[in-house]
Amino acid sequence: RKPSVVMRGCTLAKAPVLFIIGFVSSVDGRRGCFSAWKPELSTLSAPPMFDDPEAFLRHIGCFGGAPANSSVAQYELFADALAVSLRANVTARLVGFDNPPDPRWISLGLTMQGKQLLGLKRQLEIVVDSRLGGDVYETGTWRGGTSIFMMAVMRKYAELRGQRDHASRKFYMFDSFEGFQRYGKDKRLDSFLAADIFKAPLAAVKSALAMYGLLGPSVHFVQGFFENTVPAFGKPPRPISVLRMDGDLYSSTKVVLEHFYDSVVHEGGHVIVDDYGWRAQGHRRAFTKLCHHAVDEMRASRGITCPITRRFAVYGWERSSACG
C-alpha cells in the first residue's frame, strides 16, 4: 500500500518528482508549472515531502517566490502541486498504467489536461463561492486525474471558505474504462480510437483515487458505454452543479445531454464540453459527426442561447433561466 501524508488539510499520497520546461501563471501571479505537454521526468530514490507543497514546488524548480504566509497562498500552492503530480508520467506508473512508446502519449500522467486545469479550478471556486448545491458528474473519466483534481480542489477551497456543508457533495464518474466503441464506418477514426492509451481499467482508476485519499462513499463509478449506462442510470437523484463531458464522440455526448442536462442547476450550473473543438485526429473536415455536432443540435432544438465560451480555457457555458 502506498504511504500517504496529510497535505495541509487534505490526505494525499507521496507523489513523484516532475521536472518541466515551460510555465504558466497561476491565479495569484505565481509561476505554476503544470501545462507542459512533454515533461522531462525523473524519479528519486525516495519520494519528496509532498505534505509541504511549497517545498515540493521549490524542489522541482517551479516556485521561486516569497514563502506562503497566508491560507490563500497555501491553497494556491496546494492546487499547483496537485496539478503537477497529476500530469506526471511517474504518477500513472505508480498505480499500474503504462504508456505506449508513442511520442503522442509517452509523457501522459493521470490526466490529459494541462493549462485547462487552471480554468477548471476557477470554475470550481465559483461554484463554491456561489454556494451552489448539486453534485459533480464527469462523463469520460479516463484515468481519473481530472476527477481527482475536481474533488481535491473543491474540498480544499470549501475549507478555505469555511463551508462545512461541502462534504455532502457527490461525484459521479462515467466511463467504459476499456476504451472506445468502434464506429465501423470511418476507418480513420476507428484506427485512432483503437489506441490502447484510451483504456483505463477501473481497478487502476480506483487505486489512483485511493492514492490521493479520495476514494470514499461520496464517489460513484458507472462503468460501461454511455449509450447503455446513461439511460439505465435514469434521472439523477439530485441536481448537478458541474456537468463535465469528455466523451469525444457524437453519440456519447448526445445521450448525456438528453438525460442529464435538465438536472443541471438552472441558475449557475456549469456545463463543460472538453471536446467541443475536437475535429478527429486534427482533421477539421471529418465526415463523421462528433461531439460539437451533438452540442449544437441539442442547443438549437431547445433554443439555448447561453453563449459557449472558452472563458475557462475549455468550451462550455453557464446555465441560466434567461438563456436556457
C-alpha atoms as a PDB file:
ATOM      1  CA  ARG A   1       0.000   0.000   0.000  1.00  0.00           C
ATOM      2  CA  LYS A   2       1.331   3.443  -0.917  1.00  0.00           C
ATOM      3  CA  PRO A   3       2.246   5.697   2.042  1.00  0.00           C
ATOM      4  CA  SER A   4       0.072   8.766   2.421  1.00  0.00           C
ATOM      5  CA  VAL A   5       0.513  12.009   4.306  1.00  0.00           C
ATOM      6  CA  VAL A   6      -1.647  14.949   5.240  1.00  0.00           C
ATOM      7  CA  MET A   7      -1.125  17.820   2.804  1.00  0.00           C
ATOM      8  CA  ARG A   8      -2.285  20.803   4.840  1.00  0.00           C
ATOM      9  CA  GLY A   9      -5.785  19.546   5.392  1.00  0.00           C
ATOM     10  CA  CYS A  10      -6.108  17.003   2.576  1.00  0.00           C
ATOM     11  CA  THR A  11      -4.797  13.448   2.707  1.00  0.00           C
ATOM     12  CA  LEU A  12      -2.609  12.692  -0.290  1.00  0.00           C
ATOM     13  CA  ALA A  13      -0.087  10.004  -1.111  1.00  0.00           C
ATOM     14  CA  LYS A  14       3.509  10.987  -1.531  1.00  0.00           C
ATOM     15  CA  ALA A  15       3.926  11.943  -5.169  1.00  0.00           C
ATOM     16  CA  PRO A  16       6.720  11.607  -7.734  1.00  0.00           C
ATOM     17  CA  VAL A  17       9.033  14.385  -8.804  1.00  0.00           C
ATOM     18  CA  LEU A  18       8.366  16.158 -12.086  1.00  0.00           C
ATOM     19  CA  PHE A  19      10.753  18.405 -13.998  1.00  0.00           C
ATOM     20  CA  ILE A  20       9.083  20.637 -16.593  1.00  0.00           C
ATOM     21  CA  ILE A  21      10.284  23.194 -19.096  1.00  0.00           C
ATOM     22  CA  GLY A  22       7.647  25.856 -19.726  1.00  0.00           C
ATOM     23  CA  PHE A  23       5.495  27.752 -17.248  1.00  0.00           C
ATOM     24  CA  VAL A  24       2.003  29.183 -16.877  1.00  0.00           C
ATOM     25  CA  SER A  25       0.975  31.934 -14.493  1.00  0.00           C
ATOM     26  CA  SER A  26      -1.204  30.775 -11.639  1.00  0.00           C
ATOM     27  CA  VAL A  27      -4.192  32.744 -10.398  1.00  0.00           C
ATOM     28  CA  ASP A  28      -2.293  34.800  -7.828  1.00  0.00           C
ATOM     29  CA  GLY A  29       0.596  35.668 -10.140  1.00  0.00           C
ATOM     30  CA  ARG A  30       2.995  32.919  -9.086  1.00  0.00           C
ATOM     31  CA  ARG A  31       4.616  30.803 -11.737  1.00  0.00           C
ATOM     32  CA  GLY A  32       2.943  27.408 -11.965  1.00  0.00           C
ATOM     33  CA  CYS A  33       4.431  24.566 -13.972  1.00  0.00           C
ATOM     34  CA  PHE A  34       1.796  22.063 -14.937  1.00  0.00           C
ATOM     35  CA  SER A  35       0.947  22.912 -18.541  1.00  0.00           C
ATOM     36  CA  ALA A  36       3.866  21.420 -20.454  1.00  0.00           C
ATOM     37  CA  TRP A  37       2.911  18.596 -22.799  1.00  0.00           C
ATOM     38  CA  LYS A  38       6.351  16.963 -22.949  1.00  0.00           C
ATOM     39  CA  PRO A  39       7.709  16.993 -19.394  1.00  0.00           C
ATOM     40  CA  GLU A  40      11.123  15.530 -18.665  1.00  0.00           C
ATOM     41  CA  LEU A  41      10.517  13.061 -15.855  1.00  0.00           C
ATOM     42  CA  SER A  42      12.872  11.683 -13.276  1.00  0.00           C
ATOM     43  CA  THR A  43      12.372   9.581 -10.169  1.00  0.00           C
ATOM     44  CA  LEU A  44      14.208   9.786  -6.879  1.00  0.00           C
ATOM     45  CA  SER A  45      15.261   7.001  -4.560  1.00  0.00           C
ATOM     46  CA  ALA A  46      12.699   8.327  -2.084  1.00  0.00           C
ATOM     47  CA  PRO A  47       9.511  10.374  -2.641  1.00  0.00           C
ATOM     48  CA  PRO A  48       9.701  14.113  -1.869  1.00  0.00           C
ATOM     49  CA  MET A  49       7.982  15.660   1.129  1.00  0.00           C
ATOM     50  CA  PHE A  50       4.682  16.248  -0.626  1.00  0.00           C
ATOM     51  CA  ASP A  51       2.988  17.210   2.624  1.00  0.00           C
ATOM     52  CA  ASP A  52       4.630  20.608   2.068  1.00  0.00           C
ATOM     53  CA  PRO A  53       3.520  21.920  -1.355  1.00  0.00           C
ATOM     54  CA  GLU A  54       5.878  24.892  -1.224  1.00  0.00           C
ATOM     55  CA  ALA A  55       8.927  22.719  -0.586  1.00  0.00           C
ATOM     56  CA  PHE A  56       7.794  20.321  -3.307  1.00  0.00           C
ATOM     57  CA  LEU A  57       7.464  23.080  -5.917  1.00  0.00           C
ATOM     58  CA  ARG A  58      10.742  24.696  -4.925  1.00  0.00           C
ATOM     59  CA  HIS A  59      12.474  21.335  -5.165  1.00  0.00           C
ATOM     60  CA  ILE A  60      11.406  20.788  -8.775  1.00  0.00           C
ATOM     61  CA  GLY A  61      12.166  24.369  -9.765  1.00  0.00           C
ATOM     62  CA  CYS A  62       8.582  25.508 -10.150  1.00  0.00           C
ATOM     63  CA  PHE A  63       8.402  28.107  -7.423  1.00  0.00           C
ATOM     64  CA  GLY A  64      10.772  30.894  -6.512  1.00  0.00           C
ATOM     65  CA  GLY A  65       8.523  33.404  -4.812  1.00  0.00           C
ATOM     66  CA  ALA A  66       8.153  34.551  -1.234  1.00  0.00           C
ATOM     67  CA  PRO A  67       7.071  31.982   1.367  1.00  0.00           C
ATOM     68  CA  ALA A  68       3.343  31.348   1.521  1.00  0.00           C
ATOM     69  CA  ASN A  69       2.284  33.112   4.695  1.00  0.00           C
ATOM     70  CA  SER A  70      -1.490  33.076   4.248  1.00  0.00           C
ATOM     71  CA  SER A  71      -4.136  30.405   3.900  1.00  0.00           C
ATOM     72  CA  VAL A  72      -4.969  31.672   0.395  1.00  0.00           C
ATOM     73  CA  ALA A  73      -1.335  31.383  -0.713  1.00  0.00           C
ATOM     74  CA  GLN A  74      -1.114  27.903   0.768  1.00  0.00           C
ATOM     75  CA  TYR A  75      -4.248  26.896  -1.145  1.00  0.00           C
ATOM     76  CA  GLU A  76      -2.763  28.155  -4.425  1.00  0.00           C
ATOM     77  CA  LEU A  77       0.400  26.170  -3.803  1.00  0.00           C
ATOM     78  CA  PHE A  78      -1.693  23.126  -2.978  1.00  0.00           C
ATOM     79  CA  ALA A  79      -3.545  23.371  -6.311  1.00  0.00           C
ATOM     80  CA  ASP A  80      -0.307  23.854  -8.260  1.00  0.00           C
ATOM     81  CA  ALA A  81       1.414  20.893  -6.608  1.00  0.00           C
ATOM     82  CA  LEU A  82      -1.659  18.719  -7.092  1.00  0.00           C
ATOM     83  CA  ALA A  83      -1.844  19.527 -10.800  1.00  0.00           C
ATOM     84  CA  VAL A  84       1.875  18.901 -11.276  1.00  0.00           C
ATOM     85  CA  SER A  85       1.641  15.458  -9.730  1.00  0.00           C
ATOM     86  CA  LEU A  86      -1.427  14.519 -11.816  1.00  0.00           C
ATOM     87  CA  ARG A  87       0.408  15.446 -15.013  1.00  0.00           C
ATOM     88  CA  ALA A  88       3.396  13.242 -14.166  1.00  0.00           C
ATOM     89  CA  ASN A  89       4.032  10.029 -16.050  1.00  0.00           C
ATOM     90  CA  VAL A  90       5.531   8.624 -12.854  1.00  0.00           C
ATOM     91  CA  THR A  91       2.234   9.035 -11.005  1.00  0.00           C
ATOM     92  CA  ALA A  92       0.436   6.960 -13.631  1.00  0.00           C
ATOM     93  CA  ARG A  93       3.000   4.200 -13.328  1.00  0.00           C
ATOM     94  CA  LEU A  94       2.574   4.094  -9.545  1.00  0.00           C
ATOM     95  CA  VAL A  95      -0.987   2.805  -9.944  1.00  0.00           C
ATOM     96  CA  GLY A  96      -0.327   0.451 -12.836  1.00  0.00           C
ATOM     97  CA  PHE A  97      -0.739   2.497 -16.020  1.00  0.00           C
ATOM     98  CA  ASP A  98       1.914   2.037 -18.680  1.00  0.00           C
ATOM     99  CA  ASN A  99       2.085   4.462 -21.591  1.00  0.00           C
ATOM    100  CA  PRO A 100       2.897   3.043 -25.041  1.00  0.00           C
ATOM    101  CA  PRO A 101       6.210   4.075 -26.668  1.00  0.00           C
ATOM    102  CA  ASP A 102       4.448   6.626 -28.851  1.00  0.00           C
ATOM    103  CA  PRO A 103       5.594  10.275 -28.752  1.00  0.00           C
ATOM    104  CA  ARG A 104       1.932  11.366 -28.583  1.00  0.00           C
ATOM    105  CA  TRP A 105       1.295   9.517 -25.330  1.00  0.00           C
ATOM    106  CA  ILE A 106       4.592   8.645 -23.663  1.00  0.00           C
ATOM    107  CA  SER A 107       4.585  11.560 -21.198  1.00  0.00           C
ATOM    108  CA  LEU A 108       0.956  11.350 -20.039  1.00  0.00           C
ATOM    109  CA  GLY A 109       0.045  11.030 -16.372  1.00  0.00           C
ATOM    110  CA  LEU A 110      -3.433  10.618 -14.874  1.00  0.00           C
ATOM    111  CA  THR A 111      -4.943  13.452 -16.921  1.00  0.00           C
ATOM    112  CA  MET A 112      -4.521  14.873 -20.414  1.00  0.00           C
ATOM    113  CA  GLN A 113      -5.468  18.317 -19.125  1.00  0.00           C
ATOM    114  CA  GLY A 114      -2.686  20.894 -18.952  1.00  0.00           C
ATOM    115  CA  LYS A 115      -3.371  24.610 -18.598  1.00  0.00           C
ATOM    116  CA  GLN A 116      -7.073  23.727 -18.759  1.00  0.00           C
ATOM    117  CA  LEU A 117      -6.782  22.799 -15.084  1.00  0.00           C
ATOM    118  CA  LEU A 118      -6.347  26.497 -14.271  1.00  0.00           C
ATOM    119  CA  GLY A 119      -9.690  27.301 -15.851  1.00  0.00           C
ATOM    120  CA  LEU A 120     -11.373  24.322 -14.232  1.00  0.00           C
ATOM    121  CA  LYS A 121     -10.027  25.402 -10.869  1.00  0.00           C
ATOM    122  CA  ARG A 122     -11.633  28.818 -11.283  1.00  0.00           C
ATOM    123  CA  GLN A 123     -14.987  27.289 -12.254  1.00  0.00           C
ATOM    124  CA  LEU A 124     -14.970  25.108  -9.164  1.00  0.00           C
ATOM    125  CA  GLU A 125     -14.170  28.111  -6.997  1.00  0.00           C
ATOM    126  CA  ILE A 126     -17.146  29.976  -8.473  1.00  0.00           C
ATOM    127  CA  VAL A 127     -19.414  27.034  -7.674  1.00  0.00           C
ATOM    128  CA  VAL A 128     -18.207  27.007  -4.065  1.00  0.00           C
ATOM    129  CA  ASP A 129     -18.345  30.803  -3.670  1.00  0.00           C
ATOM    130  CA  SER A 130     -21.907  30.804  -5.020  1.00  0.00           C
ATOM    131  CA  ARG A 131     -22.837  28.100  -2.507  1.00  0.00           C
ATOM    132  CA  LEU A 132     -24.271  26.239  -5.463  1.00  0.00           C
ATOM    133  CA  GLY A 133     -25.705  22.936  -4.350  1.00  0.00           C
ATOM    134  CA  GLY A 134     -25.557  19.860  -6.507  1.00  0.00           C
ATOM    135  CA  ASP A 135     -23.294  17.003  -7.427  1.00  0.00           C
ATOM    136  CA  VAL A 136     -20.463  16.774  -9.956  1.00  0.00           C
ATOM    137  CA  TYR A 137     -20.829  14.488 -12.982  1.00  0.00           C
ATOM    138  CA  GLU A 138     -17.933  13.600 -15.257  1.00  0.00           C
ATOM    139  CA  THR A 139     -18.747  11.585 -18.368  1.00  0.00           C
ATOM    140  CA  GLY A 140     -15.393  10.476 -19.687  1.00  0.00           C
ATOM    141  CA  THR A 141     -13.122   9.840 -16.704  1.00  0.00           C
ATOM    142  CA  TRP A 142     -10.186   8.044 -18.343  1.00  0.00           C
ATOM    143  CA  ARG A 143      -7.519   7.543 -15.640  1.00  0.00           C
ATOM    144  CA  GLY A 144      -9.325   9.675 -13.075  1.00  0.00           C
ATOM    145  CA  GLY A 145      -6.878  12.574 -12.898  1.00  0.00           C
ATOM    146  CA  THR A 146      -9.341  15.352 -13.693  1.00  0.00           C
ATOM    147  CA  SER A 147     -11.857  13.912 -11.238  1.00  0.00           C
ATOM    148  CA  ILE A 148      -9.154  13.807  -8.573  1.00  0.00           C
ATOM    149  CA  PHE A 149      -8.361  17.444  -9.295  1.00  0.00           C
ATOM    150  CA  MET A 150     -12.029  18.472  -9.037  1.00  0.00           C
ATOM    151  CA  MET A 151     -12.610  16.611  -5.783  1.00  0.00           C
ATOM    152  CA  ALA A 152      -9.459  17.798  -4.055  1.00  0.00           C
ATOM    153  CA  VAL A 153      -9.756  21.429  -5.171  1.00  0.00           C
ATOM    154  CA  MET A 154     -13.436  21.745  -4.248  1.00  0.00           C
ATOM    155  CA  ARG A 155     -12.852  20.263  -0.812  1.00  0.00           C
ATOM    156  CA  LYS A 156      -9.771  22.335  -0.114  1.00  0.00           C
ATOM    157  CA  TYR A 157     -11.384  25.560  -1.338  1.00  0.00           C
ATOM    158  CA  ALA A 158     -14.555  24.883   0.658  1.00  0.00           C
ATOM    159  CA  GLU A 159     -12.371  24.500   3.752  1.00  0.00           C
ATOM    160  CA  LEU A 160     -10.691  27.805   2.932  1.00  0.00           C
ATOM    161  CA  ARG A 161     -14.110  29.485   2.714  1.00  0.00           C
ATOM    162  CA  GLY A 162     -15.344  27.837   5.885  1.00  0.00           C
ATOM    163  CA  GLN A 163     -18.067  25.828   4.145  1.00  0.00           C
ATOM    164  CA  ARG A 164     -18.649  22.621   6.065  1.00  0.00           C
ATOM    165  CA  ASP A 165     -21.672  21.514   4.058  1.00  0.00           C
ATOM    166  CA  HIS A 166     -19.463  20.647   1.079  1.00  0.00           C
ATOM    167  CA  ALA A 167     -18.929  17.131   2.427  1.00  0.00           C
ATOM    168  CA  SER A 168     -22.400  16.175   1.190  1.00  0.00           C
ATOM    169  CA  ARG A 169     -21.473  16.777  -2.469  1.00  0.00           C
ATOM    170  CA  LYS A 170     -21.197  13.592  -4.508  1.00  0.00           C
ATOM    171  CA  PHE A 171     -19.048  12.835  -7.532  1.00  0.00           C
ATOM    172  CA  TYR A 172     -20.173  10.543 -10.352  1.00  0.00           C
ATOM    173  CA  MET A 173     -17.595   9.144 -12.767  1.00  0.00           C
ATOM    174  CA  PHE A 174     -18.878   7.586 -16.015  1.00  0.00           C
ATOM    175  CA  ASP A 175     -16.593   5.669 -18.354  1.00  0.00           C
ATOM    176  CA  SER A 176     -16.306   2.370 -20.182  1.00  0.00           C
ATOM    177  CA  PHE A 177     -12.852   2.008 -18.571  1.00  0.00           C
ATOM    178  CA  GLU A 178     -11.970  -0.119 -21.610  1.00  0.00           C
ATOM    179  CA  GLY A 179     -11.628   2.439 -24.384  1.00  0.00           C
ATOM    180  CA  PHE A 180     -13.972   3.444 -27.206  1.00  0.00           C
ATOM    181  CA  GLN A 181     -16.536   1.590 -29.253  1.00  0.00           C
ATOM    182  CA  ARG A 182     -15.776   1.485 -32.963  1.00  0.00           C
ATOM    183  CA  TYR A 183     -17.919   3.474 -35.356  1.00  0.00           C
ATOM    184  CA  GLY A 184     -17.423   0.958 -38.160  1.00  0.00           C
ATOM    185  CA  LYS A 185     -17.928   3.481 -40.962  1.00  0.00           C
ATOM    186  CA  ASP A 186     -14.925   5.763 -40.527  1.00  0.00           C
ATOM    187  CA  LYS A 187     -11.718   3.728 -40.726  1.00  0.00           C
ATOM    188  CA  ARG A 188      -9.510   6.692 -39.929  1.00  0.00           C
ATOM    189  CA  LEU A 189     -11.464   7.496 -36.772  1.00  0.00           C
ATOM    190  CA  ASP A 190     -11.695   3.843 -35.736  1.00  0.00           C
ATOM    191  CA  SER A 191      -7.948   3.463 -36.104  1.00  0.00           C
ATOM    192  CA  PHE A 192      -7.372   6.429 -33.818  1.00  0.00           C
ATOM    193  CA  LEU A 193      -9.894   5.254 -31.205  1.00  0.00           C
ATOM    194  CA  ALA A 194      -8.359   1.770 -31.118  1.00  0.00           C
ATOM    195  CA  ALA A 195      -5.208   3.069 -29.390  1.00  0.00           C
ATOM    196  CA  ASP A 196      -4.504   1.257 -26.122  1.00  0.00           C
ATOM    197  CA  ILE A 197      -3.857   4.579 -24.379  1.00  0.00           C
ATOM    198  CA  PHE A 198      -7.620   5.143 -24.095  1.00  0.00           C
ATOM    199  CA  LYS A 199      -8.078   2.010 -21.998  1.00  0.00           C
ATOM    200  CA  ALA A 200      -8.071   2.724 -18.270  1.00  0.00           C
ATOM    201  CA  PRO A 201      -9.064  -0.272 -16.112  1.00  0.00           C
ATOM    202  CA  LEU A 202     -11.410   0.648 -13.290  1.00  0.00           C
ATOM    203  CA  ALA A 203      -9.219  -1.072 -10.701  1.00  0.00           C
ATOM    204  CA  ALA A 204      -6.298   1.212 -11.581  1.00  0.00           C
ATOM    205  CA  VAL A 205      -8.542   4.299 -11.512  1.00  0.00           C
ATOM    206  CA  LYS A 206      -9.733   3.354  -8.037  1.00  0.00           C
ATOM    207  CA  SER A 207      -6.111   2.889  -6.985  1.00  0.00           C
ATOM    208  CA  ALA A 208      -5.350   6.405  -8.206  1.00  0.00           C
ATOM    209  CA  LEU A 209      -8.170   7.888  -6.116  1.00  0.00           C
ATOM    210  CA  ALA A 210      -7.093   5.835  -3.120  1.00  0.00           C
ATOM    211  CA  MET A 211      -3.517   7.086  -3.501  1.00  0.00           C
ATOM    212  CA  TYR A 212      -4.814  10.644  -3.180  1.00  0.00           C
ATOM    213  CA  GLY A 213      -7.065   9.762  -0.242  1.00  0.00           C
ATOM    214  CA  LEU A 214     -10.272  10.427  -2.182  1.00  0.00           C
ATOM    215  CA  LEU A 215     -11.884   7.009  -2.516  1.00  0.00           C
ATOM    216  CA  GLY A 216     -14.973   7.015  -0.321  1.00  0.00           C
ATOM    217  CA  PRO A 217     -18.779   6.896  -0.127  1.00  0.00           C
ATOM    218  CA  SER A 218     -19.190  10.203  -1.960  1.00  0.00           C
ATOM    219  CA  VAL A 219     -17.584   8.765  -5.112  1.00  0.00           C
ATOM    220  CA  HIS A 220     -19.649   6.686  -7.539  1.00  0.00           C
ATOM    221  CA  PHE A 221     -18.363   4.822 -10.604  1.00  0.00           C
ATOM    222  CA  VAL A 222     -20.661   3.943 -13.511  1.00  0.00           C
ATOM    223  CA  GLN A 223     -18.938   1.536 -15.870  1.00  0.00           C
ATOM    224  CA  GLY A 224     -19.986   0.891 -19.448  1.00  0.00           C
ATOM    225  CA  PHE A 225     -20.620   2.699 -22.723  1.00  0.00           C
ATOM    226  CA  PHE A 226     -22.742   5.822 -22.262  1.00  0.00           C
ATOM    227  CA  GLU A 227     -25.398   4.730 -24.738  1.00  0.00           C
ATOM    228  CA  ASN A 228     -26.230   1.924 -22.281  1.00  0.00           C
ATOM    229  CA  THR A 229     -25.327   3.243 -18.845  1.00  0.00           C
ATOM    230  CA  VAL A 230     -26.713   6.784 -19.010  1.00  0.00           C
ATOM    231  CA  PRO A 231     -30.327   5.803 -19.890  1.00  0.00           C
ATOM    232  CA  ALA A 232     -30.151   2.981 -17.345  1.00  0.00           C
ATOM    233  CA  PHE A 233     -28.916   5.403 -14.687  1.00  0.00           C
ATOM    234  CA  GLY A 234     -32.137   7.391 -15.070  1.00  0.00           C
ATOM    235  CA  LYS A 235     -32.831  10.819 -13.658  1.00  0.00           C
ATOM    236  CA  PRO A 236     -30.018  11.993 -11.384  1.00  0.00           C
ATOM    237  CA  PRO A 237     -31.147  11.743  -7.756  1.00  0.00           C
ATOM    238  CA  ARG A 238     -30.004  15.310  -7.021  1.00  0.00           C
ATOM    239  CA  PRO A 239     -29.242  18.464  -9.014  1.00  0.00           C
ATOM    240  CA  ILE A 240     -25.973  18.729 -10.935  1.00  0.00           C
ATOM    241  CA  SER A 241     -23.719  21.707 -10.237  1.00  0.00           C
ATOM    242  CA  VAL A 242     -20.991  20.726 -12.719  1.00  0.00           C
ATOM    243  CA  LEU A 243     -21.501  18.532 -15.779  1.00  0.00           C
ATOM    244  CA  ARG A 244     -18.135  17.864 -17.384  1.00  0.00           C
ATOM    245  CA  MET A 245     -18.373  15.954 -20.666  1.00  0.00           C
ATOM    246  CA  ASP A 246     -15.252  14.357 -22.113  1.00  0.00           C
ATOM    247  CA  GLY A 247     -16.643  11.630 -24.358  1.00  0.00           C
ATOM    248  CA  ASP A 248     -15.259  12.920 -27.669  1.00  0.00           C
ATOM    249  CA  LEU A 249     -17.951  11.441 -29.881  1.00  0.00           C
ATOM    250  CA  TYR A 250     -21.413  12.365 -31.140  1.00  0.00           C
ATOM    251  CA  SER A 251     -23.432   9.540 -29.614  1.00  0.00           C
ATOM    252  CA  SER A 252     -21.750   9.678 -26.220  1.00  0.00           C
ATOM    253  CA  THR A 253     -22.295  13.442 -25.984  1.00  0.00           C
ATOM    254  CA  LYS A 254     -25.864  13.354 -27.279  1.00  0.00           C
ATOM    255  CA  VAL A 255     -27.078  10.760 -24.783  1.00  0.00           C
ATOM    256  CA  VAL A 256     -25.529  12.624 -21.845  1.00  0.00           C
ATOM    257  CA  LEU A 257     -27.183  15.904 -22.801  1.00  0.00           C
ATOM    258  CA  GLU A 258     -30.528  14.210 -23.363  1.00  0.00           C
ATOM    259  CA  HIS A 259     -30.599  12.590 -19.948  1.00  0.00           C
ATOM    260  CA  PHE A 260     -28.601  14.900 -17.675  1.00  0.00           C
ATOM    261  CA  TYR A 261     -28.963  18.467 -18.945  1.00  0.00           C
ATOM    262  CA  ASP A 262     -32.336  19.089 -17.290  1.00  0.00           C
ATOM    263  CA  SER A 263     -30.766  18.240 -13.919  1.00  0.00           C
ATOM    264  CA  VAL A 264     -28.062  20.916 -14.220  1.00  0.00           C
ATOM    265  CA  VAL A 265     -28.824  23.725 -11.758  1.00  0.00           C
ATOM    266  CA  HIS A 266     -30.856  26.327 -13.691  1.00  0.00           C
ATOM    267  CA  GLU A 267     -29.036  29.315 -12.241  1.00  0.00           C
ATOM    268  CA  GLY A 268     -25.271  28.955 -12.269  1.00  0.00           C
ATOM    269  CA  GLY A 269     -24.808  25.299 -13.174  1.00  0.00           C
ATOM    270  CA  HIS A 270     -21.702  24.741 -15.293  1.00  0.00           C
ATOM    271  CA  VAL A 271     -21.677  22.663 -18.488  1.00  0.00           C
ATOM    272  CA  ILE A 272     -18.157  21.814 -19.663  1.00  0.00           C
ATOM    273  CA  VAL A 273     -17.592  20.303 -23.118  1.00  0.00           C
ATOM    274  CA  ASP A 274     -13.962  19.260 -23.260  1.00  0.00           C
ATOM    275  CA  ASP A 275     -14.080  18.021 -26.860  1.00  0.00           C
ATOM    276  CA  TYR A 276     -16.241  20.707 -28.455  1.00  0.00           C
ATOM    277  CA  GLY A 277     -13.290  21.893 -30.522  1.00  0.00           C
ATOM    278  CA  TRP A 278     -12.019  18.417 -31.404  1.00  0.00           C
ATOM    279  CA  ARG A 279     -12.145  17.506 -35.087  1.00  0.00           C
ATOM    280  CA  ALA A 280     -10.961  13.868 -35.109  1.00  0.00           C
ATOM    281  CA  GLN A 281      -7.201  13.498 -35.073  1.00  0.00           C
ATOM    282  CA  GLY A 282      -6.792  17.128 -36.059  1.00  0.00           C
ATOM    283  CA  HIS A 283      -8.669  16.714 -39.352  1.00  0.00           C
ATOM    284  CA  ARG A 284     -11.106  19.601 -39.455  1.00  0.00           C
ATOM    285  CA  ARG A 285     -13.137  18.168 -42.347  1.00  0.00           C
ATOM    286  CA  ALA A 286     -14.114  14.841 -40.824  1.00  0.00           C
ATOM    287  CA  PHE A 287     -17.353  13.496 -42.261  1.00  0.00           C
ATOM    288  CA  THR A 288     -18.348  11.637 -39.099  1.00  0.00           C
ATOM    289  CA  LYS A 289     -20.453  13.578 -36.610  1.00  0.00           C
ATOM    290  CA  LEU A 290     -18.526  14.396 -33.441  1.00  0.00           C
ATOM    291  CA  CYS A 291     -19.085  15.976 -30.045  1.00  0.00           C
ATOM    292  CA  HIS A 292     -19.683  19.530 -31.268  1.00  0.00           C
ATOM    293  CA  HIS A 293     -22.437  18.376 -33.636  1.00  0.00           C
ATOM    294  CA  ALA A 294     -24.366  16.844 -30.727  1.00  0.00           C
ATOM    295  CA  VAL A 295     -23.981  20.027 -28.664  1.00  0.00           C
ATOM    296  CA  ASP A 296     -25.046  22.351 -31.480  1.00  0.00           C
ATOM    297  CA  GLU A 297     -28.052  20.211 -32.397  1.00  0.00           C
ATOM    298  CA  MET A 298     -29.265  19.985 -28.814  1.00  0.00           C
ATOM    299  CA  ARG A 299     -28.858  23.703 -28.173  1.00  0.00           C
ATOM    300  CA  ALA A 300     -30.671  24.594 -31.397  1.00  0.00           C
ATOM    301  CA  SER A 301     -33.554  22.202 -30.758  1.00  0.00           C
ATOM    302  CA  ARG A 302     -34.104  23.612 -27.280  1.00  0.00           C
ATOM    303  CA  GLY A 303     -33.457  27.255 -28.078  1.00  0.00           C
ATOM    304  CA  ILE A 304     -30.498  27.509 -25.685  1.00  0.00           C
ATOM    305  CA  THR A 305     -28.791  30.851 -26.184  1.00  0.00           C
ATOM    306  CA  CYS A 306     -26.349  30.832 -23.266  1.00  0.00           C
ATOM    307  CA  PRO A 307     -23.077  31.619 -25.063  1.00  0.00           C
ATOM    308  CA  ILE A 308     -20.471  28.894 -25.465  1.00  0.00           C
ATOM    309  CA  THR A 309     -17.156  30.416 -24.478  1.00  0.00           C
ATOM    310  CA  ARG A 310     -13.591  29.466 -23.607  1.00  0.00           C
ATOM    311  CA  ARG A 311     -13.551  31.777 -20.633  1.00  0.00           C
ATOM    312  CA  PHE A 312     -12.174  28.943 -18.519  1.00  0.00           C
ATOM    313  CA  ALA A 313      -9.810  27.518 -21.191  1.00  0.00           C
ATOM    314  CA  VAL A 314     -12.311  24.810 -22.229  1.00  0.00           C
ATOM    315  CA  TYR A 315     -15.563  25.243 -24.154  1.00  0.00           C
ATOM    316  CA  GLY A 316     -18.715  25.410 -22.065  1.00  0.00           C
ATOM    317  CA  TRP A 317     -21.495  27.584 -20.740  1.00  0.00           C
ATOM    318  CA  GLU A 318     -23.157  28.578 -17.504  1.00  0.00           C
ATOM    319  CA  ARG A 319     -26.808  27.718 -17.328  1.00  0.00           C
ATOM    320  CA  SER A 320     -29.397  30.426 -16.702  1.00  0.00           C
ATOM    321  CA  SER A 321     -33.191  30.524 -16.893  1.00  0.00           C
ATOM    322  CA  ALA A 322     -32.827  33.576 -19.147  1.00  0.00           C
ATOM    323  CA  CYS A 323     -30.962  31.668 -21.861  1.00  0.00           C
ATOM    324  CA  GLY A 324     -31.787  28.039 -21.298  1.00  0.00           C
END
